[in-house]
Amino acid sequence: MVEVLGETPVCKQLNYTARFDWGYEGVEQVGAASDMIVIIDVLSFSTCVDIVTGRGGIVYPYQVKEESAVAFAKQKAALLAGKRGEPISLSPACLKMVPMGSRMVLPSPNGSTCTLLAKKTGAKVIAACLAKCIIRRQIHTTAERICDGYCLR
């Protein structure tokens, strides 16, 4: 079903148990009617979440790296990822070098922003890596562990 709101077509996909969309508007539109939202960011965010949590860490998504991100990282006693080339960055190779069990603030204009918007809907939020393409099975087998606050806070 496609409904036109202003100039923008919105696919509500109400007849399906799984709905797909992209970007900020997609999270808000589809997320409002969802119990669980899976963020699949094909850039760095989801891969970084996978690496940090796979090493026993905790990820705190943050929209942008600015002074408020520095204060947020201090409040959470977490490392703050920066741009590629900085000592700690959104580079997957860099994150493989951070200590096991690290708490990490990941500022990302795409993945983190969508994750924070998804959290506002009240749905459970999971970050998944497109590269792992076993997303459906991972959702069923790990959703409870992840949704109980293990990965994203």
N, C-alpha and C. Protein backbone atom coordinates (compact mmCIF):
# COMPACT_ATOMS: atom_id res chain seq x y z
N MET A 1 0.85 -1.15 0.00
CA MET A 1 0.00 0.00 0.00
C MET A 1 0.91 1.23 0.00
N VAL A 2 0.66 2.17 -0.89
CA VAL A 2 1.42 3.40 -0.93
C VAL A 2 0.47 4.55 -0.67
N GLU A 3 0.80 5.36 0.28
CA GLU A 3 0.01 6.54 0.60
C GLU A 3 0.88 7.74 0.29
N VAL A 4 0.30 8.74 -0.30
CA VAL A 4 1.07 9.93 -0.63
C VAL A 4 0.80 10.98 0.43
N LEU A 5 1.85 11.42 1.10
CA LEU A 5 1.77 12.49 2.09
C LEU A 5 2.53 13.67 1.52
N GLY A 6 1.81 14.71 1.10
CA GLY A 6 2.48 15.83 0.46
C GLY A 6 3.06 15.34 -0.86
N GLU A 7 4.35 15.53 -1.05
CA GLU A 7 5.03 15.09 -2.26
C GLU A 7 5.74 13.77 -2.06
N THR A 8 5.76 13.24 -0.83
CA THR A 8 6.58 12.07 -0.52
C THR A 8 5.73 10.81 -0.41
N PRO A 9 5.99 9.79 -1.25
CA PRO A 9 5.27 8.51 -1.07
C PRO A 9 5.85 7.76 0.12
N VAL A 10 4.97 7.23 0.94
CA VAL A 10 5.41 6.49 2.12
C VAL A 10 4.84 5.07 2.02
N CYS A 11 5.71 4.08 2.02
CA CYS A 11 5.26 2.69 1.98
C CYS A 11 5.02 2.23 3.41
N LYS A 12 3.78 2.04 3.77
CA LYS A 12 3.47 1.63 5.14
C LYS A 12 3.66 0.14 5.35
N GLN A 13 3.50 -0.66 4.30
CA GLN A 13 3.76 -2.09 4.37
C GLN A 13 2.99 -2.75 5.52
N LEU A 14 1.78 -2.32 5.76
CA LEU A 14 1.01 -2.79 6.92
C LEU A 14 0.63 -4.26 6.85
N ASN A 15 0.60 -4.84 5.69
CA ASN A 15 0.19 -6.24 5.56
C ASN A 15 1.34 -7.21 5.80
N TYR A 16 2.49 -6.73 6.22
CA TYR A 16 3.67 -7.57 6.38
C TYR A 16 4.19 -7.51 7.81
N THR A 17 4.79 -8.62 8.26
CA THR A 17 5.37 -8.62 9.61
C THR A 17 6.76 -8.01 9.61
N ALA A 18 7.43 -8.02 8.47
CA ALA A 18 8.74 -7.35 8.35
C ALA A 18 8.58 -6.22 7.35
N ARG A 19 9.02 -5.04 7.75
CA ARG A 19 8.92 -3.86 6.89
C ARG A 19 10.30 -3.28 6.68
N PHE A 20 10.54 -2.72 5.50
CA PHE A 20 11.85 -2.21 5.18
C PHE A 20 11.75 -0.77 4.69
N ASP A 21 12.72 0.01 5.07
CA ASP A 21 12.80 1.39 4.61
C ASP A 21 14.22 1.87 4.85
N TRP A 22 14.52 3.09 4.53
CA TRP A 22 15.88 3.59 4.73
C TRP A 22 15.85 5.04 5.17
N GLY A 23 16.91 5.44 5.82
CA GLY A 23 17.08 6.83 6.22
C GLY A 23 16.26 7.23 7.43
N TYR A 24 16.41 8.50 7.75
CA TYR A 24 15.75 9.05 8.94
C TYR A 24 14.23 8.93 8.85
N GLU A 25 13.66 9.32 7.71
CA GLU A 25 12.21 9.26 7.55
C GLU A 25 11.72 7.82 7.61
N GLY A 26 12.49 6.90 7.06
CA GLY A 26 12.11 5.49 7.10
C GLY A 26 12.02 4.96 8.51
N VAL A 27 12.99 5.33 9.33
CA VAL A 27 12.98 4.91 10.74
C VAL A 27 11.73 5.44 11.42
N GLU A 28 11.43 6.70 11.20
CA GLU A 28 10.28 7.31 11.86
C GLU A 28 8.95 6.73 11.35
N GLN A 29 8.84 6.52 10.03
CA GLN A 29 7.59 6.02 9.45
C GLN A 29 7.35 4.54 9.78
N VAL A 30 8.30 3.70 9.45
CA VAL A 30 8.14 2.26 9.67
C VAL A 30 8.30 1.93 11.15
N GLY A 31 9.21 2.63 11.80
CA GLY A 31 9.50 2.36 13.21
C GLY A 31 8.32 2.59 14.14
N ALA A 32 7.48 3.53 13.79
CA ALA A 32 6.35 3.86 14.65
C ALA A 32 5.40 2.67 14.83
N ALA A 33 5.39 1.76 13.85
CA ALA A 33 4.49 0.61 13.93
C ALA A 33 5.24 -0.70 14.18
N SER A 34 6.47 -0.60 14.67
CA SER A 34 7.32 -1.79 14.80
C SER A 34 7.66 -2.11 16.24
N ASP A 35 7.79 -3.41 16.53
CA ASP A 35 8.23 -3.85 17.85
C ASP A 35 9.76 -3.91 17.92
N MET A 36 10.39 -4.14 16.76
CA MET A 36 11.84 -4.26 16.69
C MET A 36 12.31 -3.55 15.42
N ILE A 37 13.40 -2.82 15.56
CA ILE A 37 14.00 -2.15 14.41
C ILE A 37 15.44 -2.63 14.29
N VAL A 38 15.81 -3.07 13.09
CA VAL A 38 17.17 -3.50 12.82
C VAL A 38 17.84 -2.44 11.97
N ILE A 39 18.90 -1.85 12.50
CA ILE A 39 19.65 -0.84 11.76
C ILE A 39 20.74 -1.54 10.98
N ILE A 40 20.67 -1.43 9.67
CA ILE A 40 21.70 -2.02 8.81
C ILE A 40 22.36 -0.85 8.09
N ASP A 41 23.52 -0.48 8.55
CA ASP A 41 24.25 0.64 7.97
C ASP A 41 25.40 0.06 7.16
N VAL A 42 25.36 0.26 5.87
CA VAL A 42 26.39 -0.34 5.01
C VAL A 42 27.68 0.46 5.02
N LEU A 43 27.73 1.53 5.77
CA LEU A 43 28.98 2.27 5.91
C LEU A 43 29.74 1.68 7.08
N SER A 44 30.08 2.45 8.09
CA SER A 44 30.93 1.94 9.17
C SER A 44 30.19 1.57 10.45
N PHE A 45 29.07 2.19 10.73
CA PHE A 45 28.45 2.07 12.05
C PHE A 45 28.19 0.63 12.48
N SER A 46 27.45 -0.14 11.69
CA SER A 46 27.10 -1.50 12.10
C SER A 46 28.32 -2.40 12.24
N THR A 47 29.29 -2.21 11.35
CA THR A 47 30.52 -2.98 11.47
C THR A 47 31.24 -2.65 12.76
N CYS A 48 31.27 -1.37 13.11
CA CYS A 48 31.91 -0.94 14.36
C CYS A 48 31.18 -1.51 15.58
N VAL A 49 29.85 -1.50 15.54
CA VAL A 49 29.07 -2.09 16.63
C VAL A 49 29.43 -3.56 16.78
N ASP A 50 29.49 -4.27 15.66
CA ASP A 50 29.83 -5.69 15.68
C ASP A 50 31.21 -5.92 16.30
N ILE A 51 32.18 -5.12 15.92
CA ILE A 51 33.54 -5.30 16.43
C ILE A 51 33.61 -5.01 17.92
N VAL A 52 33.06 -3.86 18.34
CA VAL A 52 33.14 -3.47 19.76
C VAL A 52 32.40 -4.47 20.64
N THR A 53 31.17 -4.82 20.27
CA THR A 53 30.39 -5.75 21.11
C THR A 53 30.96 -7.16 21.03
N GLY A 54 31.53 -7.52 19.89
CA GLY A 54 32.17 -8.83 19.76
C GLY A 54 33.39 -8.96 20.65
N ARG A 55 33.94 -7.84 21.07
CA ARG A 55 35.09 -7.83 21.99
C ARG A 55 34.62 -7.54 23.43
N GLY A 56 33.30 -7.74 23.66
CA GLY A 56 32.76 -7.59 25.01
C GLY A 56 32.49 -6.17 25.42
N GLY A 57 32.47 -5.26 24.47
CA GLY A 57 32.26 -3.84 24.78
C GLY A 57 30.81 -3.41 24.69
N ILE A 58 30.60 -2.15 24.97
CA ILE A 58 29.28 -1.53 24.92
C ILE A 58 29.38 -0.32 24.00
N VAL A 59 28.38 -0.15 23.14
CA VAL A 59 28.34 0.97 22.21
C VAL A 59 27.26 1.96 22.62
N TYR A 60 27.63 3.23 22.62
CA TYR A 60 26.69 4.32 22.84
C TYR A 60 26.64 5.13 21.55
N PRO A 61 25.56 5.01 20.77
CA PRO A 61 25.45 5.80 19.54
C PRO A 61 25.34 7.29 19.87
N TYR A 62 25.93 8.12 19.02
CA TYR A 62 25.83 9.57 19.18
C TYR A 62 25.79 10.18 17.79
N GLN A 63 24.98 11.20 17.59
CA GLN A 63 24.76 11.72 16.24
C GLN A 63 26.01 12.34 15.61
N VAL A 64 26.66 13.23 16.27
CA VAL A 64 27.81 13.91 15.67
C VAL A 64 28.92 14.07 16.71
N LYS A 65 30.14 14.23 16.23
CA LYS A 65 31.24 14.46 17.15
C LYS A 65 31.42 15.97 17.31
N GLU A 66 31.00 16.43 18.48
CA GLU A 66 31.15 17.83 18.83
C GLU A 66 31.40 17.87 20.33
N GLU A 67 31.43 19.05 20.90
CA GLU A 67 31.72 19.17 22.33
C GLU A 67 30.77 18.35 23.19
N SER A 68 29.50 18.28 22.81
CA SER A 68 28.54 17.51 23.61
C SER A 68 28.89 16.01 23.58
N ALA A 69 29.49 15.54 22.49
CA ALA A 69 29.90 14.14 22.42
C ALA A 69 31.05 13.86 23.38
N VAL A 70 31.95 14.82 23.53
CA VAL A 70 33.06 14.69 24.47
C VAL A 70 32.50 14.57 25.89
N ALA A 71 31.56 15.44 26.24
CA ALA A 71 30.95 15.41 27.57
C ALA A 71 30.18 14.10 27.79
N PHE A 72 29.47 13.64 26.76
CA PHE A 72 28.71 12.39 26.86
C PHE A 72 29.66 11.21 27.10
N ALA A 73 30.77 11.17 26.38
CA ALA A 73 31.75 10.09 26.55
C ALA A 73 32.32 10.11 27.98
N LYS A 74 32.59 11.29 28.50
CA LYS A 74 33.10 11.39 29.88
C LYS A 74 32.05 10.88 30.86
N GLN A 75 30.80 11.27 30.65
CA GLN A 75 29.70 10.84 31.52
C GLN A 75 29.57 9.31 31.54
N LYS A 76 29.78 8.68 30.39
CA LYS A 76 29.64 7.23 30.27
C LYS A 76 30.96 6.49 30.55
N ALA A 77 32.02 7.23 30.87
CA ALA A 77 33.35 6.66 31.06
C ALA A 77 33.73 5.82 29.85
N ALA A 78 33.54 6.41 28.68
CA ALA A 78 33.72 5.69 27.42
C ALA A 78 34.75 6.39 26.54
N LEU A 79 35.31 5.61 25.64
CA LEU A 79 36.18 6.15 24.61
C LEU A 79 35.31 6.83 23.57
N LEU A 80 35.83 7.83 22.90
CA LEU A 80 35.09 8.55 21.87
C LEU A 80 35.76 8.32 20.52
N ALA A 81 35.05 7.69 19.60
CA ALA A 81 35.59 7.46 18.26
C ALA A 81 35.54 8.76 17.47
N GLY A 82 36.56 8.95 16.66
CA GLY A 82 36.63 10.14 15.82
C GLY A 82 36.66 9.77 14.35
N LYS A 83 37.18 10.69 13.56
CA LYS A 83 37.28 10.47 12.12
C LYS A 83 38.45 9.53 11.83
N ARG A 84 38.40 8.92 10.66
CA ARG A 84 39.51 8.06 10.25
C ARG A 84 40.80 8.85 10.31
N GLY A 85 41.83 8.20 10.81
CA GLY A 85 43.12 8.86 10.97
C GLY A 85 43.39 9.29 12.40
N GLU A 86 42.33 9.42 13.21
CA GLU A 86 42.51 9.74 14.62
C GLU A 86 42.85 8.44 15.36
N PRO A 87 43.42 8.55 16.58
CA PRO A 87 43.83 7.33 17.30
C PRO A 87 42.70 6.31 17.48
N ILE A 88 41.49 6.77 17.75
CA ILE A 88 40.33 5.89 17.84
C ILE A 88 39.31 6.44 16.85
N SER A 89 38.91 5.62 15.89
CA SER A 89 38.03 6.12 14.84
C SER A 89 36.98 5.09 14.48
N LEU A 90 36.13 5.45 13.51
CA LEU A 90 35.13 4.53 13.00
C LEU A 90 35.73 3.52 12.02
N SER A 91 37.02 3.46 11.96
CA SER A 91 37.69 2.47 11.12
C SER A 91 37.62 1.11 11.81
N PRO A 92 37.05 0.10 11.15
CA PRO A 92 37.01 -1.23 11.76
C PRO A 92 38.40 -1.74 12.16
N ALA A 93 39.40 -1.47 11.36
CA ALA A 93 40.76 -1.92 11.69
C ALA A 93 41.24 -1.27 12.99
N CYS A 94 40.92 -0.01 13.18
CA CYS A 94 41.31 0.71 14.40
C CYS A 94 40.61 0.12 15.62
N LEU A 95 39.32 -0.19 15.49
CA LEU A 95 38.54 -0.68 16.63
C LEU A 95 38.97 -2.07 17.07
N LYS A 96 39.60 -2.82 16.20
CA LYS A 96 40.11 -4.14 16.59
C LYS A 96 41.28 -4.01 17.56
N MET A 97 41.80 -2.80 17.71
CA MET A 97 42.94 -2.57 18.59
C MET A 97 42.55 -2.01 19.96
N VAL A 98 41.28 -1.61 20.14
CA VAL A 98 40.88 -1.07 21.44
C VAL A 98 40.80 -2.20 22.45
N PRO A 99 41.00 -1.90 23.71
CA PRO A 99 40.97 -2.95 24.74
C PRO A 99 39.63 -3.70 24.78
N MET A 100 39.71 -4.96 25.11
CA MET A 100 38.51 -5.78 25.28
C MET A 100 37.62 -5.12 26.34
N GLY A 101 36.32 -5.21 26.15
CA GLY A 101 35.37 -4.68 27.13
C GLY A 101 35.25 -3.16 27.13
N SER A 102 35.74 -2.50 26.10
CA SER A 102 35.69 -1.03 26.05
C SER A 102 34.26 -0.52 25.92
N ARG A 103 34.05 0.61 26.53
CA ARG A 103 32.81 1.36 26.34
C ARG A 103 33.14 2.40 25.27
N MET A 104 32.30 2.50 24.24
CA MET A 104 32.64 3.31 23.08
C MET A 104 31.47 4.19 22.65
N VAL A 105 31.71 5.48 22.53
CA VAL A 105 30.73 6.39 21.93
C VAL A 105 31.06 6.45 20.45
N LEU A 106 30.08 6.10 19.60
CA LEU A 106 30.27 6.10 18.16
C LEU A 106 29.44 7.21 17.52
N PRO A 107 30.06 8.36 17.25
CA PRO A 107 29.33 9.41 16.54
C PRO A 107 29.26 9.06 15.05
N SER A 108 28.07 9.05 14.52
CA SER A 108 27.87 8.69 13.12
C SER A 108 26.61 9.39 12.62
N PRO A 109 26.74 10.17 11.55
CA PRO A 109 25.56 10.88 11.05
C PRO A 109 24.50 9.95 10.46
N ASN A 110 24.86 8.74 10.11
CA ASN A 110 23.90 7.82 9.54
C ASN A 110 23.44 6.77 10.54
N GLY A 111 24.30 5.80 10.84
CA GLY A 111 23.91 4.69 11.71
C GLY A 111 23.51 5.12 13.11
N SER A 112 24.31 5.96 13.75
CA SER A 112 23.98 6.41 15.11
C SER A 112 22.69 7.23 15.12
N THR A 113 22.55 8.12 14.15
CA THR A 113 21.35 8.95 14.10
C THR A 113 20.11 8.09 13.91
N CYS A 114 20.16 7.13 12.99
CA CYS A 114 19.01 6.24 12.79
C CYS A 114 18.73 5.41 14.04
N THR A 115 19.79 4.98 14.72
CA THR A 115 19.63 4.20 15.95
C THR A 115 18.94 5.03 17.02
N LEU A 116 19.36 6.27 17.18
CA LEU A 116 18.75 7.14 18.19
C LEU A 116 17.30 7.46 17.84
N LEU A 117 17.01 7.67 16.56
CA LEU A 117 15.62 7.88 16.14
C LEU A 117 14.79 6.63 16.39
N ALA A 118 15.37 5.46 16.13
CA ALA A 118 14.66 4.19 16.36
C ALA A 118 14.34 4.02 17.84
N LYS A 119 15.28 4.36 18.68
CA LYS A 119 15.06 4.24 20.14
C LYS A 119 13.87 5.08 20.59
N LYS A 120 13.70 6.24 19.97
CA LYS A 120 12.58 7.12 20.34
C LYS A 120 11.22 6.52 20.02
N THR A 121 11.16 5.54 19.11
CA THR A 121 9.88 4.92 18.76
C THR A 121 9.40 3.96 19.84
N GLY A 122 10.31 3.56 20.73
CA GLY A 122 9.95 2.59 21.77
C GLY A 122 10.20 1.15 21.35
N ALA A 123 10.62 0.93 20.11
CA ALA A 123 10.90 -0.42 19.63
C ALA A 123 12.25 -0.90 20.16
N LYS A 124 12.44 -2.20 20.18
CA LYS A 124 13.76 -2.78 20.48
C LYS A 124 14.65 -2.46 19.29
N VAL A 125 15.93 -2.15 19.54
CA VAL A 125 16.83 -1.74 18.46
C VAL A 125 18.03 -2.67 18.40
N ILE A 126 18.33 -3.15 17.20
CA ILE A 126 19.48 -4.02 16.94
C ILE A 126 20.28 -3.41 15.80
N ALA A 127 21.59 -3.41 15.90
CA ALA A 127 22.44 -3.02 14.77
C ALA A 127 22.96 -4.31 14.13
N ALA A 128 22.84 -4.42 12.82
CA ALA A 128 23.28 -5.62 12.12
C ALA A 128 24.20 -5.25 10.97
N CYS A 129 25.11 -6.12 10.66
CA CYS A 129 26.05 -5.90 9.57
C CYS A 129 25.53 -6.55 8.30
N LEU A 130 25.42 -5.78 7.25
CA LEU A 130 24.98 -6.32 5.98
C LEU A 130 25.93 -7.39 5.48
N ALA A 131 27.20 -7.22 5.78
CA ALA A 131 28.21 -8.16 5.32
C ALA A 131 28.00 -9.56 5.89
N LYS A 132 27.29 -9.68 6.99
CA LYS A 132 27.10 -10.99 7.61
C LYS A 132 25.87 -11.72 7.07
N CYS A 133 25.01 -11.08 6.35
CA CYS A 133 23.88 -11.66 5.63
C CYS A 133 23.18 -12.83 6.30
N ILE A 134 23.32 -13.00 7.58
CA ILE A 134 22.60 -14.04 8.30
C ILE A 134 21.67 -13.31 9.27
N ILE A 135 21.25 -12.15 8.86
CA ILE A 135 20.53 -11.25 9.75
C ILE A 135 19.29 -11.90 10.34
N ARG A 136 18.51 -12.58 9.53
CA ARG A 136 17.27 -13.17 10.05
C ARG A 136 17.56 -14.13 11.18
N ARG A 137 18.50 -15.04 10.99
CA ARG A 137 18.83 -16.01 12.04
C ARG A 137 19.41 -15.30 13.26
N GLN A 138 20.25 -14.30 13.03
CA GLN A 138 20.84 -13.56 14.15
C GLN A 138 19.76 -12.86 14.97
N ILE A 139 18.78 -12.29 14.30
CA ILE A 139 17.71 -11.60 15.02
C ILE A 139 17.00 -12.58 15.94
N HIS A 140 16.67 -13.75 15.41
CA HIS A 140 15.94 -14.73 16.23
C HIS A 140 16.78 -15.29 17.37
N THR A 141 18.05 -15.50 17.14
CA THR A 141 18.86 -16.16 18.17
C THR A 141 19.50 -15.20 19.16
N THR A 142 19.65 -13.94 18.78
CA THR A 142 20.34 -13.02 19.69
C THR A 142 19.51 -11.82 20.11
N ALA A 143 18.31 -11.69 19.62
CA ALA A 143 17.51 -10.50 19.91
C ALA A 143 17.31 -10.28 21.40
N GLU A 144 17.02 -11.32 22.14
CA GLU A 144 16.79 -11.14 23.57
C GLU A 144 18.04 -10.63 24.28
N ARG A 145 19.18 -11.21 23.96
CA ARG A 145 20.43 -10.77 24.60
C ARG A 145 20.73 -9.32 24.24
N ILE A 146 20.57 -8.98 22.97
CA ILE A 146 20.86 -7.62 22.53
C ILE A 146 19.82 -6.65 23.07
N CYS A 147 18.58 -7.00 22.97
CA CYS A 147 17.50 -6.09 23.35
C CYS A 147 17.44 -5.85 24.85
N ASP A 148 18.03 -6.72 25.62
CA ASP A 148 18.06 -6.52 27.06
C ASP A 148 19.13 -5.51 27.45
N GLY A 149 19.69 -4.82 26.45
CA GLY A 149 20.63 -3.75 26.75
C GLY A 149 22.08 -4.14 26.66
N TYR A 150 22.39 -5.33 26.13
CA TYR A 150 23.78 -5.78 26.08
C TYR A 150 24.62 -4.93 25.13
N CYS A 151 24.05 -4.56 23.98
CA CYS A 151 24.87 -3.88 22.99
C CYS A 151 24.65 -2.38 22.93
N LEU A 152 23.44 -1.97 22.67
CA LEU A 152 23.17 -0.54 22.47
C LEU A 152 22.46 0.03 23.68
N ARG A 153 22.92 1.15 24.14
CA ARG A 153 22.28 1.78 25.30
C ARG A 153 21.89 3.19 24.94
